[in-house]
Protein backbone atom coordinates (compact mmCIF):
# COMPACT_ATOMS: atom_id res chain seq x y z
CA MET A 1 55.19 27.58 -32.05
CA LEU A 2 56.66 24.94 -34.32
CA ARG A 3 60.38 24.35 -34.14
CA ARG A 4 62.20 25.38 -37.30
CA THR A 5 64.55 22.38 -37.28
CA ARG A 6 64.55 20.86 -40.75
CA PHE A 7 64.54 17.13 -41.32
CA LYS A 8 66.75 16.10 -44.19
CA LEU A 9 64.87 13.65 -46.41
CA SER A 10 66.40 11.20 -48.84
CA ARG A 11 63.87 12.21 -51.48
CA ARG A 12 61.04 14.62 -52.10
CA LEU A 13 57.58 13.47 -51.11
CA SER A 14 55.48 11.98 -53.83
CA SER A 15 51.96 10.60 -53.88
CA THR A 16 53.00 8.01 -56.46
CA SER A 17 56.40 6.98 -55.13
CA LYS A 18 56.68 3.35 -54.04
CA THR A 19 59.94 3.87 -52.16
CA PRO A 20 59.35 4.28 -48.39
CA LEU A 21 60.71 7.38 -46.70
CA ARG A 22 63.02 7.01 -43.72
CA LEU A 23 61.26 9.00 -41.01
CA CYS A 24 61.36 8.51 -37.26
CA LYS A 25 58.70 6.26 -35.78
CA GLY A 26 56.32 8.06 -33.43
CA VAL A 27 57.43 11.55 -34.48
CA ARG A 28 54.80 13.95 -35.77
CA TYR A 29 55.61 16.17 -38.75
CA ILE A 30 54.08 19.11 -40.57
CA LEU A 31 54.33 19.64 -44.31
CA LEU A 32 55.38 23.24 -44.96
CA SER A 33 54.92 23.20 -48.71
CA ASN A 34 53.54 20.62 -51.08
CA ASN A 35 55.96 17.69 -51.43
CA ILE A 36 58.96 19.79 -50.37
CA LEU A 37 59.74 19.87 -46.65
CA LEU A 38 58.74 18.34 -43.32
CA VAL A 39 59.44 19.74 -39.86
CA PRO A 40 58.66 18.10 -36.49
CA VAL A 41 55.61 19.01 -34.45
CA PRO A 42 56.03 19.35 -30.63
CA LYS A 43 55.14 16.27 -28.60
CA THR A 44 52.75 18.32 -26.47
CA SER A 45 50.27 18.64 -29.31
CA ALA A 46 47.39 16.23 -29.79
CA ALA A 47 47.89 12.69 -31.04
CA PRO A 48 47.21 12.08 -34.75
CA PHE A 49 44.77 9.88 -36.61
CA SER A 50 45.07 6.21 -35.77
CA VAL A 51 44.19 5.21 -39.35
CA ALA A 52 46.42 6.42 -42.14
CA SER A 53 45.72 6.69 -45.84
CA SER A 54 47.73 4.84 -48.45
CA ARG A 55 48.72 8.00 -50.31
CA TRP A 56 49.98 11.41 -49.37
CA LYS A 57 46.99 13.74 -49.17
CA VAL A 58 48.43 16.72 -47.36
CA GLY A 59 48.87 20.37 -48.13
CA PRO A 60 50.79 23.25 -46.54
CA GLY A 61 50.07 23.63 -42.86
CA GLN A 62 48.60 20.16 -42.42
CA ALA A 63 50.19 17.81 -39.94
CA GLY A 64 50.42 14.10 -39.34
CA LYS A 65 52.40 11.24 -37.87
CA VAL A 66 54.51 8.53 -39.42
CA ASP A 67 53.15 5.24 -38.10
CA ALA A 68 56.24 3.19 -38.90
CA ILE A 69 59.88 3.76 -39.78
CA HIS A 70 59.23 2.92 -43.42
CA CYS A 71 55.88 4.38 -44.32
CA LEU A 72 54.23 6.55 -46.92
CA SER A 73 51.00 6.78 -44.95
CA PHE A 74 50.18 10.15 -43.45
CA SER A 75 47.45 11.01 -40.96
CA LEU A 76 45.94 14.48 -41.06
CA VAL A 77 45.41 16.59 -37.96
CA SER A 78 45.01 20.29 -37.32
CA THR A 79 48.21 22.24 -36.89
CA PRO A 80 48.56 23.40 -33.25
CA ALA A 81 49.66 26.86 -34.39
CA MET A 82 46.28 27.36 -36.07
CA VAL A 83 44.24 26.84 -32.89
CA LYS A 84 43.80 29.70 -30.45
CA GLN A 85 43.99 28.73 -26.79
CA ILE A 86 42.49 30.37 -23.70
CA VAL A 87 44.01 29.39 -20.35
CA VAL A 88 41.87 29.39 -17.18
CA ASP A 89 43.77 28.46 -14.04
CA ARG A 90 41.55 29.72 -11.21
CA PRO A 91 38.13 28.36 -10.24
CA LEU A 92 35.12 30.58 -9.67
CA LEU A 93 33.97 28.41 -6.77
CA GLU A 94 35.93 25.82 -4.80
CA ILE A 95 32.95 23.52 -4.37
CA GLY A 96 34.78 20.18 -4.38
CA CYS A 97 32.34 18.09 -6.42
CA THR A 98 33.04 14.43 -6.97
CA LEU A 99 31.30 14.53 -10.34
CA GLY A 100 30.05 18.00 -11.19
CA GLU A 101 27.68 17.98 -14.17
CA GLY A 102 24.67 19.55 -15.84
CA PRO A 103 25.18 23.35 -15.54
CA LEU A 104 22.01 25.34 -16.23
CA TYR A 105 21.88 29.14 -16.03
CA ASP A 106 18.62 30.95 -15.25
CA PRO A 107 18.74 34.49 -16.70
CA ASP A 108 15.73 35.57 -14.64
CA THR A 109 17.41 34.89 -11.29
CA SER A 110 21.13 34.81 -12.19
CA ILE A 111 21.20 31.38 -10.55
CA LEU A 112 23.46 28.66 -11.93
CA HIS A 113 22.08 25.21 -11.18
CA PHE A 114 24.33 22.16 -11.45
CA VAL A 115 24.56 18.67 -9.98
CA ASP A 116 27.08 16.55 -8.12
CA ILE A 117 26.69 12.84 -8.80
CA ASP A 118 28.42 11.64 -5.63
CA GLU A 119 27.99 8.19 -4.09
CA ARG A 120 29.67 8.96 -0.79
CA LYS A 121 28.61 12.51 0.09
CA GLY A 122 25.07 12.32 -1.26
CA ARG A 123 23.54 13.24 -4.60
CA LYS A 124 23.11 16.98 -4.93
CA ILE A 125 21.61 19.84 -6.87
CA ILE A 126 23.58 23.02 -6.21
CA HIS A 127 22.02 26.45 -6.76
CA LEU A 128 24.69 29.17 -7.09
CA ASN A 129 23.89 32.87 -7.03
CA THR A 130 26.43 34.06 -9.59
CA ALA A 131 26.28 37.64 -8.28
CA SER A 132 27.01 36.94 -4.61
CA LEU A 133 28.67 33.52 -5.06
CA THR A 134 26.49 32.11 -2.29
CA TYR A 135 24.83 28.77 -2.85
CA GLU A 136 22.25 26.33 -1.55
CA ILE A 137 22.37 22.54 -1.75
CA GLU A 138 19.56 20.03 -2.12
CA GLN A 139 20.37 16.37 -1.41
CA PHE A 140 18.60 13.35 -2.84
CA ASP A 141 18.48 9.60 -2.36
CA GLU A 142 19.22 8.94 -6.04
CA LYS A 143 21.54 10.38 -8.65
CA VAL A 144 20.36 13.47 -10.50
CA ALA A 145 22.22 13.74 -13.79
CA CYS A 146 20.82 16.75 -15.66
CA LEU A 147 18.45 19.70 -15.30
CA ALA A 148 16.12 21.87 -17.34
CA SER A 149 14.10 24.98 -16.55
CA ARG A 150 10.31 24.64 -16.63
CA GLN A 151 7.77 26.56 -18.69
CA ASN A 152 5.05 25.80 -16.14
CA GLY A 153 5.28 25.21 -12.43
CA ARG A 154 8.08 25.93 -10.02
CA GLY A 155 11.45 24.33 -9.61
CA LEU A 156 13.29 22.30 -12.22
CA ALA A 157 12.87 19.23 -14.38
CA GLY A 158 15.58 16.67 -14.93
CA ALA A 159 16.71 13.09 -15.31
CA ALA A 160 17.34 11.00 -12.19
CA THR A 161 18.38 7.37 -11.85
CA GLN A 162 15.11 5.77 -12.95
CA GLY A 163 13.75 8.32 -15.40
CA PHE A 164 12.36 11.82 -15.82
CA ALA A 165 11.48 13.80 -12.69
CA LEU A 166 10.44 17.17 -11.27
CA PHE A 167 12.40 18.92 -8.51
CA GLU A 168 10.25 21.55 -6.80
CA GLY A 169 12.59 22.47 -3.95
CA ASN A 170 13.35 21.25 -0.42
CA SER A 171 14.97 18.09 -1.82
CA MET A 172 11.63 16.87 -3.19
CA LYS A 173 11.69 14.62 -6.25
CA GLU A 174 8.63 13.42 -8.18
CA TYR A 175 9.02 10.97 -11.04
CA ILE A 176 6.83 11.65 -14.05
CA SER A 177 8.14 8.64 -16.01
CA ARG A 178 10.14 5.51 -15.11
CA PRO A 179 10.46 3.78 -18.47
CA LEU A 180 13.37 1.38 -17.90
CA PRO A 181 12.53 -2.33 -18.18
CA ALA A 182 12.73 -4.12 -14.82
CA GLU A 183 15.60 -6.34 -15.97
CA TYR A 184 17.70 -3.25 -16.85
CA GLN A 185 17.12 -1.23 -13.69
CA PRO A 186 19.91 -2.70 -11.49
CA TYR A 187 22.53 -2.10 -14.18
CA THR A 188 21.75 1.22 -15.84
CA ARG A 189 20.47 4.69 -15.09
CA PHE A 190 19.55 7.89 -16.86
CA ASN A 191 22.37 10.31 -17.54
CA ASP A 192 22.63 13.63 -19.39
CA GLY A 193 19.77 15.19 -21.32
CA ALA A 194 18.13 18.34 -22.68
CA CYS A 195 14.85 19.71 -24.00
CA ASP A 196 13.90 20.55 -27.56
CA SER A 197 12.08 23.69 -28.70
CA LYS A 198 8.69 22.06 -28.02
CA GLY A 199 9.65 21.31 -24.42
CA ARG A 200 10.09 17.57 -24.86
CA PHE A 201 12.83 16.04 -22.70
CA PHE A 202 15.49 13.76 -24.18
CA ALA A 203 17.99 11.84 -22.04
CA GLY A 204 20.40 8.97 -22.51
CA THR A 205 21.02 5.86 -20.41
CA ILE A 206 24.20 4.13 -19.27
CA TYR A 207 25.53 1.08 -21.11
CA ASP A 208 26.57 -2.20 -19.43
CA LYS A 209 28.52 -4.37 -21.84
CA ASN A 210 28.83 -7.40 -19.57
CA ARG A 211 25.07 -7.70 -19.05
CA GLY A 212 24.04 -6.66 -22.54
CA VAL A 213 22.27 -3.50 -21.41
CA PRO A 214 22.40 -0.97 -24.25
CA GLY A 215 22.88 2.75 -23.89
CA GLN A 216 19.79 4.34 -25.44
CA LEU A 217 18.28 7.75 -26.04
CA TRP A 218 14.80 8.30 -24.55
CA LYS A 219 12.19 11.00 -25.15
CA TYR A 220 9.50 12.18 -22.73
CA ASP A 221 6.66 14.23 -24.22
CA PRO A 222 4.70 16.19 -21.57
CA ALA A 223 1.89 16.85 -24.06
CA ASP A 224 0.61 13.28 -23.76
CA GLY A 225 2.84 11.80 -21.05
CA SER A 226 4.44 9.33 -23.45
CA CYS A 227 8.00 8.09 -23.01
CA THR A 228 9.61 6.32 -25.95
CA VAL A 229 13.03 5.30 -27.24
CA ALA A 230 14.17 8.05 -29.60
CA ASP A 231 17.28 6.15 -30.70
CA PRO A 232 17.98 2.55 -29.60
CA GLY A 233 21.71 2.99 -30.18
CA PRO A 234 23.34 1.03 -28.77
CA PHE A 235 25.56 3.76 -27.37
CA THR A 236 28.64 2.95 -25.29
CA VAL A 237 28.36 5.43 -22.42
CA SER A 238 29.39 3.32 -19.42
CA ALA A 239 29.29 3.61 -15.66
CA ARG A 240 33.07 3.98 -15.62
CA ARG A 241 33.22 6.44 -18.52
CA GLN A 242 30.13 8.40 -17.61
CA PRO A 243 30.30 11.42 -19.93
CA GLN A 244 27.37 11.79 -22.27
CA SER A 245 25.44 14.76 -23.53
CA ILE A 246 22.58 15.73 -25.77
CA LEU A 247 21.64 19.23 -26.82
CA PHE A 248 18.92 20.94 -28.83
CA ALA A 249 19.62 24.60 -29.58
CA THR A 250 18.23 26.73 -32.37
CA VAL A 251 20.49 29.39 -33.79
CA ASN A 252 19.89 31.88 -36.58
CA ARG A 253 22.96 31.90 -38.77
CA MET A 254 24.09 32.20 -42.35
CA GLY A 255 25.58 28.95 -43.55
CA MET A 256 26.99 27.28 -46.61
CA ASP A 257 24.96 24.70 -48.47
CA TRP A 258 26.43 21.57 -49.99
CA ASP A 259 27.39 23.35 -53.16
CA GLY A 260 28.97 26.30 -51.39
CA ALA A 261 26.18 28.79 -52.12
CA ARG A 262 25.00 31.01 -49.28
CA THR A 263 21.56 30.12 -47.97
CA ARG A 264 19.51 31.07 -44.92
CA LYS A 265 19.23 28.32 -42.32
CA PHE A 266 17.61 28.10 -38.92
CA CYS A 267 19.68 25.44 -37.30
CA ASP A 268 22.44 24.48 -34.91
CA PHE A 269 24.55 22.93 -37.62
CA PRO A 270 24.44 22.73 -41.43
CA LEU A 271 22.40 19.65 -42.20
CA GLY A 272 24.17 18.23 -45.25
CA GLN A 273 23.00 18.77 -48.81
CA MET A 274 20.82 21.88 -49.09
CA SER A 275 19.98 23.73 -52.25
CA ALA A 276 16.91 25.72 -51.20
CA LEU A 277 15.81 28.17 -48.55
CA LEU A 278 14.62 26.19 -45.54
CA MET A 279 14.17 26.05 -41.78
CA ALA A 280 15.56 23.09 -39.86
CA ILE A 281 16.82 22.01 -36.47
CA CYS A 282 19.71 19.75 -35.60
CA SER A 283 20.59 18.05 -32.33
CA TYR A 284 23.83 16.66 -30.94
CA PHE A 285 24.49 13.57 -28.86
CA THR A 286 27.80 12.57 -27.25
CA ASP A 287 28.84 8.92 -27.05
CA SER A 288 31.82 9.25 -24.76
CA ARG A 289 33.44 5.85 -24.85
CA ALA A 290 33.32 5.83 -28.63
CA ASN A 291 34.71 9.40 -28.49
CA LEU A 292 32.11 10.59 -30.97
CA ILE A 293 29.64 13.45 -31.19
CA PHE A 294 26.66 12.61 -33.38
CA ALA A 295 24.44 15.06 -35.19
CA TYR A 296 20.82 14.38 -36.11
CA ASP A 297 18.31 16.07 -38.32
CA TYR A 298 15.43 16.94 -36.05
CA GLU A 299 11.84 17.80 -36.81
CA ASP A 300 8.52 17.22 -35.01
CA GLY A 301 10.09 15.17 -32.23
CA SER A 302 11.86 12.68 -34.49
CA LEU A 303 15.60 12.14 -34.77
CA THR A 304 16.77 11.13 -38.24
CA ASN A 305 19.94 10.93 -40.31
CA ARG A 306 22.31 10.19 -37.44
CA ARG A 307 25.85 10.97 -38.53
CA VAL A 308 29.24 11.62 -36.97
CA PHE A 309 29.82 15.32 -36.35
CA VAL A 310 33.09 14.91 -34.41
CA ASP A 311 35.34 11.86 -34.33
CA ALA A 312 37.82 12.81 -31.60
CA MET A 313 40.33 10.12 -32.48
CA ALA A 314 40.28 11.04 -36.15
CA LEU A 315 40.99 14.65 -35.18
CA GLY A 316 44.06 13.56 -33.26
CA LEU A 317 42.84 14.22 -29.73
CA PRO A 318 44.52 12.18 -26.97
CA GLU A 319 43.30 8.60 -26.60
CA ASN A 320 42.82 8.94 -22.84
CA SER A 321 40.38 11.85 -23.12
CA TYR A 322 36.70 11.67 -24.04
CA CYS A 323 33.91 13.87 -25.37
CA ASP A 324 31.63 15.02 -22.55
CA GLY A 325 28.99 17.74 -22.09
CA LEU A 326 28.50 20.36 -24.75
CA CYS A 327 26.73 23.58 -25.65
CA VAL A 328 26.27 25.65 -28.81
CA ASP A 329 26.99 29.34 -29.35
CA LEU A 330 25.17 31.86 -31.54
CA ASP A 331 27.55 31.19 -34.41
CA GLY A 332 26.52 27.53 -34.45
CA TYR A 333 29.85 26.33 -33.05
CA VAL A 334 29.88 23.48 -30.53
CA TRP A 335 31.76 23.75 -27.22
CA SER A 336 32.62 20.24 -26.01
CA ALA A 337 34.19 19.35 -22.64
CA ARG A 338 37.01 16.80 -22.59
CA TRP A 339 36.82 14.20 -19.80
CA GLY A 340 40.44 13.38 -18.98
CA GLY A 341 41.67 16.08 -21.34
CA SER A 342 41.72 19.27 -19.20
CA LYS A 343 40.00 21.23 -21.97
CA ILE A 344 36.91 22.48 -23.69
CA ILE A 345 37.16 22.48 -27.46
CA ARG A 346 35.14 24.71 -29.76
CA PHE A 347 34.28 22.87 -32.96
CA SER A 348 33.34 24.65 -36.16
CA PRO A 349 30.11 23.75 -38.02
CA SER A 350 32.22 21.46 -40.19
CA GLY A 351 33.56 19.62 -37.14
CA ASN A 352 37.06 21.09 -37.08
CA ILE A 353 38.87 22.38 -34.00
CA ASP A 354 38.51 26.15 -33.83
CA LEU A 355 39.54 27.08 -30.27
CA GLU A 356 40.65 25.42 -27.03
CA VAL A 357 40.02 26.45 -23.43
CA TRP A 358 42.67 24.83 -21.25
CA PHE A 359 42.29 24.22 -17.51
CA PRO A 360 45.82 23.21 -16.41
CA THR A 361 44.77 22.44 -12.81
CA VAL A 362 41.87 20.15 -13.81
CA LEU A 363 41.90 16.63 -15.24
CA ASN A 364 38.23 15.89 -15.92
CA VAL A 365 36.25 18.72 -17.52
CA THR A 366 32.66 17.52 -17.61
CA SER A 367 30.24 20.09 -19.03
CA CYS A 368 29.65 23.73 -19.90
CA ALA A 369 26.81 26.20 -20.33
CA PHE A 370 26.58 29.84 -21.35
CA GLY A 371 25.14 32.38 -18.95
CA GLY A 372 25.59 35.84 -17.50
CA VAL A 373 23.82 39.12 -18.22
CA ASP A 374 24.94 39.11 -21.86
CA ASN A 375 25.11 35.32 -22.18
CA ASP A 376 28.86 35.54 -22.77
CA GLN A 377 30.12 33.76 -19.67
CA LEU A 378 30.87 30.05 -20.02
CA TYR A 379 30.26 28.12 -16.79
CA VAL A 380 32.24 24.91 -16.55
CA THR A 381 31.79 21.91 -14.25
CA THR A 382 34.55 19.44 -13.44
CA ALA A 383 35.05 16.15 -11.61
CA HIS A 384 37.45 14.97 -8.92
CA CYS A 385 40.16 12.62 -10.19
CA ARG A 386 38.68 9.75 -8.18
CA ALA A 387 35.61 9.90 -10.43
CA SER A 388 37.78 8.39 -13.16
CA GLY A 389 39.56 6.02 -10.76
CA GLU A 390 42.66 8.22 -10.62
CA ALA A 391 42.53 9.69 -7.11
CA GLU A 392 46.33 9.71 -6.95
CA ARG A 393 46.39 12.42 -9.64
CA GLN A 394 44.42 14.94 -7.58
CA THR A 395 47.62 16.56 -6.28
CA GLN A 396 48.65 17.15 -9.89
CA TYR A 397 45.21 18.56 -10.75
CA PRO A 398 44.12 20.18 -7.46
CA ASP A 399 41.13 22.10 -8.86
CA SER A 400 39.42 19.02 -10.25
CA GLY A 401 35.86 19.11 -8.91
CA HIS A 402 35.59 22.90 -8.70
CA LEU A 403 33.41 25.25 -10.77
CA PHE A 404 34.96 27.58 -13.35
CA VAL A 405 33.80 30.48 -15.48
CA VAL A 406 35.37 31.61 -18.75
CA ASP A 407 34.89 35.29 -19.61
CA LEU A 408 34.07 35.40 -23.33
CA SER A 409 32.81 38.99 -23.36
CA GLY A 410 35.69 40.20 -25.51
CA LYS A 411 36.57 42.97 -23.04
CA SER A 412 40.26 42.12 -23.30
CA GLY A 413 40.20 42.72 -27.04
CA ASP A 414 39.39 39.16 -28.04
CA LYS A 415 36.31 38.07 -29.95
CA GLN A 416 33.05 37.93 -28.01
CA TYR A 417 31.26 34.59 -27.90
CA LYS A 418 27.60 34.34 -26.92
CA GLY A 419 25.55 31.26 -26.15
CA GLY A 420 22.47 30.11 -28.00
CA PRO A 421 19.09 29.74 -26.27
CA ARG A 422 18.42 26.86 -23.87
CA HIS A 423 14.98 25.31 -24.18
CA LYS A 424 12.63 24.77 -21.24
CA PHE A 425 10.65 21.69 -20.27
CA ALA A 426 6.98 22.09 -21.19
CA GLY A 427 5.69 20.32 -18.09
């Protein structure tokens, strides 16, 4: 709730006034009515835009921060009171991952597969029976970063250190493509990825600024065995700031076209200017260090029209938290984990913050995936504080590294949220 304390201003706000207002530096305010009154916003809410406009462009209920003592600039953020928050303070499984990632739910077996990218304890794929909460662990000699179910054959597909691989059980790994140039191999690796509706596997690589190794997005097509760069980037996912995610999910939904008219779309996200009935697919890619989520138009294996879907800093999210793994629900909303931010944020199709899931006992929330009998349970992986070089904070966030589940069934009277389909690898 916003405090009702009123700040006395020397003058009414005006978009044309050249006289600076005397407001407190570093204090965030909310405009209650156009050009009439400001009240302070609690310090616990997210940080504002770092770039301010030269004129007042705010309306009732919009918030911002004064960047200097004498300043007419105002940076827009969402009002905290507008965002619903779900609090989850108990883990489903105290698994103690160093870097839990890549959750994948199999509706046929009720098994949740996820990975632990751990240098000291071994690299793992964990298979959790969500009914009995018993699990099995496979260990590998290299990092396994993401997983996908297979249309053909047994086991799983995924991305490991050197490329795309198959995991058929008993800790067996078989590479099907190792596309990295030899000069890049000591300094980069494959990270998060996902399959499109045709079963092609996309995955990103880690960036090394000092050695000039770019973060790129690769595509493996099992139809012909080709592996190509889908987007050369360069993306800034680094070994220190590891979060990265890509997702392809098709969702039937009614959307708004560019002109505001209702039109039928077959997509994850409205694709910009549309004036006719059409079918399209969109994909998302997270560049964590840049704190951006990109959206692409996607058709026939090609990524085009890359654009910013979410700019976390522009939305006022804390500077020390980063976009990580994501998933999409049946309404076309994106659920994005916050590395260093203790949250998952649900973004609307227009990129605005719609809902927050807060994990007060976790620092690094890494990824999420829908599952369960009705696909309304959100499984959430996390990382130990030492994964971000902050081992001393583990006592403050004791559940960092454990597995969580968020019940989104609506049984408590809240809205039900269901996940969209997850595509399988065609190999």
